[in-house]
N, C-alpha and C. Protein backbone atom coordinates (compact mmCIF):
# COMPACT_ATOMS: atom_id res chain seq x y z
N MET A 1 113.28 159.71 97.69
CA MET A 1 113.62 158.65 98.63
C MET A 1 112.34 158.02 99.18
N SER A 2 112.24 156.70 99.14
CA SER A 2 111.03 156.02 99.58
C SER A 2 110.91 156.05 101.10
N ARG A 3 109.67 155.91 101.55
CA ARG A 3 109.44 155.94 102.99
C ARG A 3 109.85 154.61 103.62
N ILE A 4 110.43 154.71 104.78
CA ILE A 4 110.87 153.53 105.52
C ILE A 4 109.76 153.09 106.46
N ARG A 5 109.59 151.79 106.57
CA ARG A 5 108.67 151.23 107.56
C ARG A 5 109.50 150.56 108.65
N LEU A 6 109.03 150.70 109.89
CA LEU A 6 109.75 150.12 111.02
C LEU A 6 108.77 149.34 111.89
N ILE A 7 109.00 148.05 111.99
CA ILE A 7 108.24 147.23 112.93
C ILE A 7 108.94 147.34 114.28
N ASP A 8 108.22 147.84 115.27
CA ASP A 8 108.90 148.12 116.53
C ASP A 8 108.00 147.92 117.74
N LYS A 9 108.60 148.12 118.90
CA LYS A 9 107.89 148.21 120.18
C LYS A 9 108.25 149.57 120.75
N PRO A 10 107.27 150.35 121.18
CA PRO A 10 107.54 151.75 121.54
C PRO A 10 108.66 151.95 122.55
N GLU A 11 108.76 151.09 123.57
CA GLU A 11 109.75 151.31 124.63
C GLU A 11 111.02 150.49 124.45
N CYS A 12 111.12 149.74 123.37
CA CYS A 12 112.36 149.00 123.12
C CYS A 12 113.47 149.99 122.77
N PRO A 13 114.58 150.01 123.51
CA PRO A 13 115.62 151.01 123.23
C PRO A 13 116.27 150.85 121.86
N PHE A 14 116.26 149.63 121.32
CA PHE A 14 116.85 149.41 120.00
C PHE A 14 115.96 149.96 118.90
N CYS A 15 114.65 149.86 119.08
CA CYS A 15 113.71 150.47 118.14
C CYS A 15 113.74 151.99 118.27
N TRP A 16 113.75 152.43 119.50
CA TRP A 16 113.69 153.86 119.82
C TRP A 16 114.84 154.61 119.17
N ARG A 17 116.05 154.04 119.20
CA ARG A 17 117.22 154.71 118.63
C ARG A 17 117.08 154.90 117.13
N VAL A 18 116.44 153.95 116.47
CA VAL A 18 116.25 154.08 115.02
C VAL A 18 115.24 155.19 114.72
N ARG A 19 114.18 155.27 115.51
CA ARG A 19 113.21 156.35 115.33
C ARG A 19 113.86 157.72 115.53
N ILE A 20 114.73 157.83 116.54
CA ILE A 20 115.42 159.10 116.79
C ILE A 20 116.29 159.46 115.60
N ALA A 21 117.06 158.50 115.11
CA ALA A 21 117.97 158.78 113.99
C ALA A 21 117.20 159.30 112.78
N ALA A 22 116.09 158.65 112.47
CA ALA A 22 115.29 159.10 111.33
C ALA A 22 114.71 160.48 111.57
N ALA A 23 114.26 160.73 112.80
CA ALA A 23 113.69 162.04 113.13
C ALA A 23 114.75 163.15 113.03
N LEU A 24 115.97 162.86 113.47
CA LEU A 24 117.04 163.86 113.37
C LEU A 24 117.32 164.22 111.91
N GLN A 25 117.12 163.28 111.02
CA GLN A 25 117.34 163.53 109.60
C GLN A 25 116.11 164.12 108.91
N GLY A 26 115.00 164.21 109.63
CA GLY A 26 113.77 164.66 109.00
C GLY A 26 113.26 163.66 107.98
N ARG A 27 113.51 162.41 108.26
CA ARG A 27 113.24 161.35 107.30
C ARG A 27 111.90 160.69 107.61
N ALA A 28 111.09 160.47 106.60
CA ALA A 28 109.78 159.85 106.81
C ALA A 28 109.96 158.39 107.22
N MET A 29 109.34 158.02 108.33
CA MET A 29 109.40 156.64 108.80
C MET A 29 108.05 156.28 109.38
N HIS A 30 107.48 155.20 108.88
CA HIS A 30 106.18 154.73 109.36
C HIS A 30 106.41 153.65 110.40
N SER A 31 106.07 153.96 111.64
CA SER A 31 106.28 153.02 112.73
C SER A 31 105.05 152.12 112.88
N MET A 32 105.31 150.81 112.97
CA MET A 32 104.24 149.83 113.08
C MET A 32 104.46 149.00 114.34
N ASP A 33 103.51 149.05 115.25
CA ASP A 33 103.65 148.34 116.52
C ASP A 33 103.53 146.83 116.29
N ARG A 34 104.51 146.11 116.77
CA ARG A 34 104.52 144.66 116.57
C ARG A 34 103.30 143.97 117.17
N SER A 35 102.67 144.59 118.16
CA SER A 35 101.52 143.96 118.81
C SER A 35 100.27 143.94 117.93
N ASP A 36 100.25 144.74 116.87
CA ASP A 36 99.13 144.72 115.93
C ASP A 36 99.11 143.36 115.23
N PRO A 37 97.97 142.66 115.20
CA PRO A 37 97.93 141.30 114.63
C PRO A 37 98.43 141.23 113.19
N ASP A 38 98.09 142.21 112.37
CA ASP A 38 98.54 142.19 110.98
C ASP A 38 100.05 142.41 110.88
N VAL A 39 100.56 143.31 111.72
CA VAL A 39 102.00 143.57 111.74
C VAL A 39 102.74 142.34 112.26
N LEU A 40 102.15 141.68 113.23
CA LEU A 40 102.78 140.49 113.82
C LEU A 40 103.05 139.42 112.77
N VAL A 41 102.13 139.23 111.87
CA VAL A 41 102.30 138.23 110.80
C VAL A 41 103.48 138.60 109.92
N GLU A 42 103.57 139.87 109.54
CA GLU A 42 104.69 140.32 108.70
C GLU A 42 106.01 140.19 109.45
N TRP A 43 106.00 140.56 110.72
CA TRP A 43 107.21 140.47 111.54
C TRP A 43 107.71 139.03 111.63
N GLN A 44 106.80 138.09 111.86
CA GLN A 44 107.19 136.68 111.96
C GLN A 44 107.80 136.19 110.66
N ARG A 45 107.34 136.72 109.55
CA ARG A 45 107.86 136.31 108.25
C ARG A 45 109.23 136.92 107.96
N LEU A 46 109.45 138.15 108.42
CA LEU A 46 110.65 138.88 108.03
C LEU A 46 111.82 138.74 109.00
N SER A 47 111.55 138.48 110.27
CA SER A 47 112.61 138.49 111.27
C SER A 47 113.06 137.07 111.62
N PRO A 48 114.21 136.63 111.13
CA PRO A 48 114.69 135.28 111.44
C PRO A 48 114.88 135.05 112.93
N SER A 49 115.29 136.09 113.65
CA SER A 49 115.55 135.95 115.09
C SER A 49 114.32 136.26 115.93
N GLN A 50 113.23 136.67 115.26
CA GLN A 50 111.98 137.03 115.96
C GLN A 50 112.23 138.12 117.00
N THR A 51 112.98 139.14 116.58
CA THR A 51 113.25 140.29 117.43
C THR A 51 112.85 141.56 116.70
N VAL A 52 112.75 142.64 117.46
CA VAL A 52 112.54 143.96 116.88
C VAL A 52 113.79 144.79 117.16
N PRO A 53 114.01 145.81 116.32
CA PRO A 53 113.19 146.29 115.21
C PRO A 53 113.44 145.52 113.92
N VAL A 54 112.51 145.72 112.98
CA VAL A 54 112.70 145.29 111.59
C VAL A 54 112.44 146.52 110.73
N MET A 55 113.38 146.85 109.87
CA MET A 55 113.25 148.02 109.01
C MET A 55 113.11 147.57 107.57
N ILE A 56 112.12 148.15 106.88
CA ILE A 56 111.85 147.78 105.50
C ILE A 56 111.85 149.03 104.64
N GLU A 57 112.63 149.00 103.58
CA GLU A 57 112.60 150.06 102.57
C GLU A 57 112.67 149.40 101.20
N ASP A 58 111.56 149.44 100.46
CA ASP A 58 111.46 148.73 99.19
C ASP A 58 111.79 147.25 99.43
N ASP A 59 112.83 146.72 98.77
CA ASP A 59 113.16 145.30 98.96
C ASP A 59 114.27 145.09 99.99
N LEU A 60 114.67 146.15 100.68
CA LEU A 60 115.68 146.04 101.73
C LEU A 60 115.01 145.73 103.06
N VAL A 61 115.48 144.68 103.72
CA VAL A 61 114.98 144.32 105.05
C VAL A 61 116.18 144.19 105.98
N LEU A 62 116.17 144.96 107.07
CA LEU A 62 117.22 144.89 108.08
C LEU A 62 116.60 144.48 109.41
N THR A 63 117.29 143.61 110.14
CA THR A 63 116.70 143.06 111.36
C THR A 63 117.57 143.28 112.60
N ASP A 64 118.45 144.27 112.54
CA ASP A 64 119.26 144.63 113.70
C ASP A 64 119.46 146.13 113.69
N SER A 65 119.38 146.76 114.86
CA SER A 65 119.44 148.22 114.90
C SER A 65 120.80 148.77 114.49
N GLY A 66 121.88 147.99 114.66
CA GLY A 66 123.21 148.47 114.28
C GLY A 66 123.30 148.79 112.79
N PRO A 67 123.03 147.81 111.92
CA PRO A 67 123.03 148.12 110.48
C PRO A 67 122.00 149.18 110.09
N MET A 68 120.89 149.24 110.81
CA MET A 68 119.90 150.28 110.51
C MET A 68 120.48 151.67 110.72
N LEU A 69 121.15 151.87 111.86
CA LEU A 69 121.74 153.17 112.14
C LEU A 69 122.81 153.52 111.11
N GLU A 70 123.63 152.54 110.76
CA GLU A 70 124.67 152.79 109.76
C GLU A 70 124.06 153.12 108.40
N TYR A 71 123.00 152.43 108.04
CA TYR A 71 122.34 152.69 106.76
C TYR A 71 121.77 154.11 106.73
N LEU A 72 121.11 154.50 107.80
CA LEU A 72 120.56 155.86 107.86
C LEU A 72 121.68 156.89 107.79
N ALA A 73 122.78 156.63 108.50
CA ALA A 73 123.89 157.58 108.51
C ALA A 73 124.53 157.72 107.13
N GLU A 74 124.57 156.63 106.38
CA GLU A 74 125.22 156.65 105.07
C GLU A 74 124.32 157.20 103.96
N THR A 75 123.02 157.16 104.16
CA THR A 75 122.11 157.54 103.08
C THR A 75 121.33 158.82 103.36
N GLY A 76 121.55 159.42 104.52
CA GLY A 76 120.85 160.65 104.86
C GLY A 76 121.81 161.68 105.41
N SER A 77 121.25 162.73 106.01
CA SER A 77 122.09 163.79 106.56
C SER A 77 122.90 163.28 107.74
N ALA A 78 123.91 164.05 108.11
CA ALA A 78 124.97 163.59 109.01
C ALA A 78 124.45 163.12 110.36
N LEU A 79 124.81 161.90 110.72
CA LEU A 79 124.58 161.36 112.06
C LEU A 79 125.89 160.92 112.70
N LEU A 80 126.99 161.12 111.97
CA LEU A 80 128.32 160.79 112.47
C LEU A 80 129.24 161.97 112.22
N PRO A 81 130.26 162.16 113.08
CA PRO A 81 131.22 163.25 112.86
C PRO A 81 132.00 163.07 111.56
N ASP A 82 132.70 164.11 111.16
CA ASP A 82 133.43 164.09 109.89
C ASP A 82 134.70 163.25 109.94
N PHE A 83 135.36 163.19 111.09
CA PHE A 83 136.68 162.58 111.15
C PHE A 83 136.60 161.14 111.66
N PRO A 84 137.43 160.25 111.10
CA PRO A 84 137.37 158.83 111.47
C PRO A 84 137.49 158.57 112.97
N ARG A 85 138.39 159.30 113.64
CA ARG A 85 138.55 159.07 115.08
C ARG A 85 137.26 159.38 115.84
N ARG A 86 136.62 160.47 115.47
CA ARG A 86 135.39 160.86 116.15
C ARG A 86 134.24 159.91 115.79
N ARG A 87 134.27 159.40 114.57
CA ARG A 87 133.25 158.43 114.18
C ARG A 87 133.39 157.15 115.00
N ALA A 88 134.64 156.75 115.21
CA ALA A 88 134.89 155.57 116.05
C ALA A 88 134.42 155.82 117.48
N GLU A 89 134.63 157.03 117.98
CA GLU A 89 134.16 157.36 119.32
C GLU A 89 132.64 157.26 119.41
N ALA A 90 131.95 157.77 118.40
CA ALA A 90 130.49 157.69 118.40
C ALA A 90 130.03 156.25 118.49
N ARG A 91 130.66 155.40 117.70
CA ARG A 91 130.27 153.98 117.72
C ARG A 91 130.61 153.33 119.06
N SER A 92 131.71 153.77 119.67
CA SER A 92 132.08 153.18 120.96
C SER A 92 131.07 153.55 122.05
N TRP A 93 130.45 154.73 121.94
CA TRP A 93 129.43 155.11 122.92
C TRP A 93 128.17 154.26 122.76
N ILE A 94 127.91 153.79 121.57
CA ILE A 94 126.78 152.88 121.38
C ILE A 94 127.03 151.59 122.16
N VAL A 95 128.25 151.07 122.05
CA VAL A 95 128.61 149.85 122.78
C VAL A 95 128.54 150.09 124.28
N TYR A 96 129.03 151.23 124.73
CA TYR A 96 128.95 151.59 126.15
C TYR A 96 127.49 151.58 126.62
N GLY A 97 126.62 152.19 125.84
CA GLY A 97 125.21 152.24 126.22
C GLY A 97 124.59 150.86 126.35
N ASP A 98 124.95 149.97 125.44
CA ASP A 98 124.37 148.63 125.46
C ASP A 98 124.99 147.76 126.55
N ASN A 99 126.31 147.78 126.64
CA ASN A 99 127.00 146.83 127.52
C ASN A 99 127.15 147.31 128.96
N VAL A 100 127.27 148.61 129.15
CA VAL A 100 127.46 149.14 130.51
C VAL A 100 126.13 149.58 131.12
N LEU A 101 125.44 150.47 130.44
CA LEU A 101 124.19 150.99 130.98
C LEU A 101 123.03 150.01 130.78
N GLY A 102 122.90 149.51 129.57
CA GLY A 102 121.74 148.71 129.23
C GLY A 102 121.62 147.42 130.02
N ARG A 103 122.72 146.73 130.21
CA ARG A 103 122.65 145.45 130.92
C ARG A 103 122.20 145.61 132.36
N SER A 104 122.65 146.69 132.99
CA SER A 104 122.24 146.93 134.37
C SER A 104 120.80 147.43 134.45
N LEU A 105 120.46 148.37 133.59
CA LEU A 105 119.12 148.94 133.62
C LEU A 105 118.06 147.90 133.31
N ARG A 106 118.41 146.95 132.48
CA ARG A 106 117.47 145.88 132.13
C ARG A 106 116.96 145.16 133.37
N GLU A 107 117.82 145.00 134.37
CA GLU A 107 117.40 144.33 135.60
C GLU A 107 116.28 145.11 136.29
N VAL A 108 116.39 146.42 136.29
CA VAL A 108 115.36 147.26 136.91
C VAL A 108 114.07 147.21 136.09
N VAL A 109 114.21 147.40 134.80
CA VAL A 109 113.03 147.45 133.93
C VAL A 109 112.28 146.12 133.95
N PHE A 110 113.00 145.03 133.79
CA PHE A 110 112.35 143.72 133.73
C PHE A 110 111.70 143.36 135.06
N GLU A 111 112.27 143.83 136.16
CA GLU A 111 111.69 143.52 137.46
C GLU A 111 110.42 144.33 137.72
N LYS A 112 110.40 145.57 137.27
CA LYS A 112 109.27 146.45 137.57
C LYS A 112 108.16 146.42 136.52
N ARG A 113 108.50 146.08 135.30
CA ARG A 113 107.60 146.35 134.17
C ARG A 113 106.27 145.62 134.26
N ASP A 114 106.28 144.36 134.57
CA ASP A 114 105.05 143.56 134.48
C ASP A 114 104.62 142.97 135.81
N LYS A 115 105.10 143.55 136.91
CA LYS A 115 104.76 143.01 138.22
C LYS A 115 104.17 144.10 139.11
N PRO A 116 103.27 143.75 140.02
CA PRO A 116 102.86 144.73 141.03
C PRO A 116 104.03 145.02 141.96
N GLU A 117 104.03 146.21 142.54
CA GLU A 117 105.16 146.62 143.38
C GLU A 117 105.40 145.65 144.53
N SER A 118 104.34 145.03 145.03
CA SER A 118 104.48 144.11 146.16
C SER A 118 105.32 142.88 145.81
N GLU A 119 105.49 142.61 144.52
CA GLU A 119 106.24 141.43 144.09
C GLU A 119 107.64 141.77 143.58
N TRP A 120 108.02 143.03 143.61
CA TRP A 120 109.33 143.40 143.10
C TRP A 120 110.44 142.80 143.96
N ASP A 121 111.47 142.33 143.29
CA ASP A 121 112.69 141.87 143.96
C ASP A 121 113.57 143.10 144.17
N GLN A 122 113.54 143.63 145.38
CA GLN A 122 114.26 144.87 145.66
C GLN A 122 115.77 144.70 145.53
N GLY A 123 116.27 143.51 145.82
CA GLY A 123 117.70 143.27 145.65
C GLY A 123 118.12 143.37 144.19
N ARG A 124 117.32 142.81 143.32
CA ARG A 124 117.61 142.90 141.88
C ARG A 124 117.56 144.36 141.42
N ILE A 125 116.59 145.11 141.91
CA ILE A 125 116.46 146.52 141.53
C ILE A 125 117.67 147.31 142.02
N ARG A 126 118.10 147.06 143.25
CA ARG A 126 119.27 147.77 143.78
C ARG A 126 120.53 147.44 142.98
N ARG A 127 120.70 146.17 142.64
CA ARG A 127 121.89 145.78 141.87
C ARG A 127 121.88 146.45 140.50
N GLY A 128 120.73 146.45 139.85
CA GLY A 128 120.64 147.09 138.55
C GLY A 128 120.88 148.58 138.61
N THR A 129 120.33 149.21 139.64
CA THR A 129 120.52 150.66 139.81
C THR A 129 121.98 150.98 140.06
N ARG A 130 122.63 150.22 140.94
CA ARG A 130 124.05 150.45 141.21
C ARG A 130 124.89 150.28 139.95
N GLY A 131 124.58 149.25 139.18
CA GLY A 131 125.34 149.02 137.95
C GLY A 131 125.18 150.16 136.96
N PHE A 132 123.95 150.65 136.83
CA PHE A 132 123.70 151.77 135.92
C PHE A 132 124.46 153.01 136.37
N LEU A 133 124.35 153.34 137.64
CA LEU A 133 125.00 154.54 138.15
C LEU A 133 126.53 154.43 138.10
N SER A 134 127.04 153.22 138.22
CA SER A 134 128.50 153.05 138.18
C SER A 134 129.06 153.36 136.80
N GLY A 135 128.21 153.37 135.79
CA GLY A 135 128.68 153.70 134.45
C GLY A 135 128.69 155.18 134.14
N LEU A 136 128.13 156.00 135.01
CA LEU A 136 127.99 157.43 134.70
C LEU A 136 129.29 158.23 134.77
N PRO A 137 130.26 157.91 135.64
CA PRO A 137 131.48 158.73 135.66
C PRO A 137 132.18 158.83 134.31
N ALA A 138 132.20 157.76 133.54
CA ALA A 138 132.87 157.80 132.23
C ALA A 138 132.19 158.81 131.31
N LEU A 139 130.88 158.85 131.35
CA LEU A 139 130.15 159.81 130.52
C LEU A 139 130.35 161.23 131.02
N GLU A 140 130.30 161.42 132.32
CA GLU A 140 130.50 162.75 132.90
C GLU A 140 131.86 163.31 132.52
N MET A 141 132.88 162.47 132.53
CA MET A 141 134.23 162.92 132.17
C MET A 141 134.33 163.28 130.69
N ALA A 142 133.56 162.59 129.86
CA ALA A 142 133.65 162.83 128.41
C ALA A 142 132.92 164.09 127.98
N LEU A 143 131.95 164.52 128.77
CA LEU A 143 131.16 165.71 128.42
C LEU A 143 131.91 166.95 128.86
N ARG A 144 132.22 167.81 127.88
CA ARG A 144 133.00 169.00 128.22
C ARG A 144 132.23 170.26 127.82
N ASP A 145 132.77 171.01 126.89
CA ASP A 145 132.17 172.31 126.58
C ASP A 145 131.16 172.26 125.44
N GLU A 146 131.08 171.14 124.74
CA GLU A 146 130.17 171.06 123.61
C GLU A 146 128.78 170.62 124.09
N ASN A 147 127.79 170.88 123.27
CA ASN A 147 126.42 170.58 123.67
C ASN A 147 126.14 169.08 123.72
N PHE A 148 126.84 168.32 122.87
CA PHE A 148 126.62 166.89 122.81
C PHE A 148 127.97 166.18 122.90
N LEU A 149 127.96 164.88 122.90
CA LEU A 149 129.18 164.13 123.17
C LEU A 149 130.30 164.43 122.18
N LEU A 150 129.95 164.60 120.92
CA LEU A 150 130.98 164.72 119.89
C LEU A 150 130.83 165.99 119.08
N GLY A 151 130.30 167.02 119.69
CA GLY A 151 130.17 168.29 118.99
C GLY A 151 128.92 169.02 119.42
N ASN A 152 128.47 169.92 118.58
CA ASN A 152 127.32 170.74 118.92
C ASN A 152 126.03 170.26 118.27
N TRP A 153 126.03 169.03 117.79
CA TRP A 153 124.80 168.43 117.28
C TRP A 153 124.80 166.95 117.67
N PRO A 154 123.62 166.35 117.78
CA PRO A 154 123.55 164.94 118.18
C PRO A 154 124.09 164.02 117.09
N THR A 155 124.65 162.90 117.51
CA THR A 155 125.12 161.87 116.59
C THR A 155 124.46 160.54 116.96
N LEU A 156 124.92 159.48 116.32
CA LEU A 156 124.41 158.15 116.66
C LEU A 156 124.64 157.82 118.13
N ALA A 157 125.65 158.45 118.74
CA ALA A 157 125.89 158.22 120.17
C ALA A 157 124.66 158.61 120.98
N GLU A 158 124.12 159.80 120.72
CA GLU A 158 122.92 160.24 121.44
C GLU A 158 121.70 159.39 121.08
N CYS A 159 121.61 158.99 119.82
CA CYS A 159 120.48 158.14 119.41
C CYS A 159 120.42 156.88 120.27
N ALA A 160 121.58 156.31 120.57
CA ALA A 160 121.63 155.07 121.33
C ALA A 160 121.54 155.29 122.84
N LEU A 161 122.11 156.39 123.33
CA LEU A 161 122.16 156.61 124.78
C LEU A 161 120.87 157.20 125.34
N PHE A 162 120.24 158.07 124.59
CA PHE A 162 119.06 158.75 125.11
C PHE A 162 117.98 157.79 125.60
N PRO A 163 117.62 156.75 124.85
CA PRO A 163 116.59 155.84 125.35
C PRO A 163 116.96 155.17 126.67
N ARG A 164 118.24 154.91 126.89
CA ARG A 164 118.65 154.29 128.15
C ARG A 164 118.34 155.22 129.33
N PHE A 165 118.66 156.49 129.18
CA PHE A 165 118.43 157.43 130.27
C PHE A 165 116.94 157.74 130.44
N ALA A 166 116.21 157.81 129.34
CA ALA A 166 114.77 158.06 129.44
C ALA A 166 114.07 156.89 130.12
N LEU A 167 114.46 155.67 129.78
CA LEU A 167 113.89 154.50 130.46
C LEU A 167 114.27 154.47 131.93
N ALA A 168 115.50 154.88 132.23
CA ALA A 168 115.91 154.94 133.63
C ALA A 168 114.98 155.85 134.42
N LEU A 169 114.69 157.03 133.89
CA LEU A 169 113.77 157.94 134.56
C LEU A 169 112.39 157.32 134.71
N LEU A 170 111.91 156.69 133.65
CA LEU A 170 110.58 156.09 133.67
C LEU A 170 110.47 155.04 134.77
N TYR A 171 111.56 154.32 135.02
CA TYR A 171 111.53 153.25 136.01
C TYR A 171 112.22 153.63 137.32
N GLY A 172 112.32 154.94 137.57
CA GLY A 172 112.70 155.41 138.89
C GLY A 172 114.18 155.54 139.15
N VAL A 173 115.01 155.56 138.12
CA VAL A 173 116.46 155.73 138.30
C VAL A 173 116.84 157.10 137.74
N ASP A 174 117.02 158.07 138.61
CA ASP A 174 117.34 159.43 138.19
C ASP A 174 118.84 159.60 138.01
N ILE A 175 119.22 160.66 137.31
CA ILE A 175 120.64 161.02 137.19
C ILE A 175 121.00 161.86 138.41
N PRO A 176 121.90 161.40 139.26
CA PRO A 176 122.21 162.14 140.49
C PRO A 176 122.75 163.54 140.21
N ALA A 177 122.54 164.43 141.17
CA ALA A 177 122.98 165.82 141.02
C ALA A 177 124.49 165.96 140.90
N ASP A 178 125.24 164.96 141.38
CA ASP A 178 126.69 165.06 141.28
C ASP A 178 127.23 164.68 139.90
N PHE A 179 126.31 164.54 138.93
CA PHE A 179 126.70 164.39 137.52
C PHE A 179 126.05 165.53 136.73
N PRO A 180 126.46 166.78 137.00
CA PRO A 180 125.76 167.93 136.41
C PRO A 180 125.87 167.99 134.89
N ARG A 181 127.02 167.64 134.33
CA ARG A 181 127.16 167.70 132.87
C ARG A 181 126.27 166.67 132.20
N THR A 182 126.15 165.51 132.82
CA THR A 182 125.28 164.47 132.26
C THR A 182 123.82 164.92 132.32
N ARG A 183 123.43 165.55 133.40
CA ARG A 183 122.06 166.05 133.52
C ARG A 183 121.78 167.13 132.47
N GLN A 184 122.73 168.03 132.27
CA GLN A 184 122.53 169.08 131.27
C GLN A 184 122.47 168.49 129.86
N TRP A 185 123.35 167.56 129.59
CA TRP A 185 123.39 166.90 128.28
C TRP A 185 122.07 166.19 127.99
N PHE A 186 121.57 165.45 128.97
CA PHE A 186 120.30 164.76 128.78
C PHE A 186 119.15 165.76 128.65
N GLY A 187 119.20 166.84 129.42
CA GLY A 187 118.16 167.85 129.34
C GLY A 187 118.06 168.48 127.97
N ARG A 188 119.19 168.68 127.30
CA ARG A 188 119.16 169.23 125.93
C ARG A 188 118.41 168.29 124.98
N GLN A 189 118.62 167.01 125.17
CA GLN A 189 117.93 166.05 124.32
C GLN A 189 116.45 165.97 124.67
N ALA A 190 116.14 166.09 125.95
CA ALA A 190 114.76 165.94 126.40
C ALA A 190 113.82 166.98 125.80
N ILE A 191 114.37 168.14 125.41
CA ILE A 191 113.53 169.18 124.80
C ILE A 191 113.75 169.29 123.29
N HIS A 192 114.63 168.46 122.75
CA HIS A 192 114.90 168.48 121.31
C HIS A 192 113.72 167.84 120.58
N PRO A 193 113.16 168.49 119.56
CA PRO A 193 111.97 167.94 118.90
C PRO A 193 112.13 166.51 118.38
N ALA A 194 113.30 166.18 117.85
CA ALA A 194 113.48 164.83 117.30
C ALA A 194 113.44 163.77 118.40
N PHE A 195 114.05 164.06 119.53
CA PHE A 195 114.06 163.10 120.64
C PHE A 195 112.68 163.01 121.29
N LEU A 196 112.05 164.16 121.44
CA LEU A 196 110.75 164.18 122.10
C LEU A 196 109.69 163.48 121.25
N SER A 197 109.67 163.77 119.97
CA SER A 197 108.65 163.19 119.09
C SER A 197 108.84 161.69 118.90
N SER A 198 110.07 161.21 119.06
CA SER A 198 110.36 159.79 118.88
C SER A 198 110.10 158.96 120.13
N SER A 199 109.81 159.63 121.23
CA SER A 199 109.66 158.93 122.51
C SER A 199 108.24 158.42 122.68
N PRO A 200 108.08 157.30 123.39
CA PRO A 200 106.73 156.80 123.70
C PRO A 200 105.93 157.86 124.45
N GLU A 201 104.64 157.84 124.23
CA GLU A 201 103.79 158.90 124.78
C GLU A 201 103.92 159.02 126.29
N ARG A 202 104.00 157.91 127.00
CA ARG A 202 104.02 158.00 128.45
C ARG A 202 105.36 158.49 129.00
N VAL A 203 106.36 158.59 128.12
CA VAL A 203 107.66 159.10 128.54
C VAL A 203 107.74 160.62 128.38
N ARG A 204 106.94 161.18 127.50
CA ARG A 204 107.12 162.59 127.13
C ARG A 204 106.94 163.55 128.29
N ASN A 205 105.94 163.32 129.13
CA ASN A 205 105.75 164.21 130.28
C ASN A 205 106.92 164.16 131.24
N ILE A 206 107.50 162.98 131.39
CA ILE A 206 108.68 162.84 132.26
C ILE A 206 109.84 163.65 131.70
N LEU A 207 109.99 163.62 130.37
CA LEU A 207 111.08 164.37 129.74
C LEU A 207 110.88 165.87 129.91
N VAL A 208 109.67 166.33 129.71
CA VAL A 208 109.39 167.76 129.85
C VAL A 208 109.63 168.20 131.29
N ASP A 209 109.20 167.38 132.24
CA ASP A 209 109.42 167.72 133.65
C ASP A 209 110.91 167.76 133.99
N PHE A 210 111.68 166.84 133.42
CA PHE A 210 113.11 166.81 133.70
C PHE A 210 113.78 168.07 133.18
N ALA A 211 113.42 168.44 131.95
CA ALA A 211 114.05 169.60 131.32
C ALA A 211 113.65 170.89 132.01
């Protein structure tokens, strides 16, 4: 199997999920930072929407993380449950992560990321934080006796959700103590080699401290 190349940004959750999926499979993937001038030229040529990630394997070029995850799941070791109903559930958690958690967390990240603290819009940060936390009860209810959402091993659901929670921690949004199952679930991922190795360097110490 040929090595996959991924044009990405280290903290982009859509890039991050693809790196996690490949790492869970033990699959060779060469990550190329879009900010590199040489990589930037290739990215501009390959990505019609001028977004990341871009995944290249031989003559295959994919420019959206959804098809990338599906391709990895279909061509490598299991990233989805065996039964159709559970597979649908895994995919639905990806949508939950993007539409419920991601949209709210983006407000916090975008407000804090490139501004000095004195210029932060605290109202925007509070709204984003409230929106993110309001999505946690659904996840807490879904987590029961298994180690991960859909069994005792991570699936595409964790690949997509983990970056959201790791970014939340990085930008000051913790998982409250009244969501103990969610905290335990995230803690298992935080010490998992595939999740840890796929995370941006400045996130790793936060993950170790959390676990």
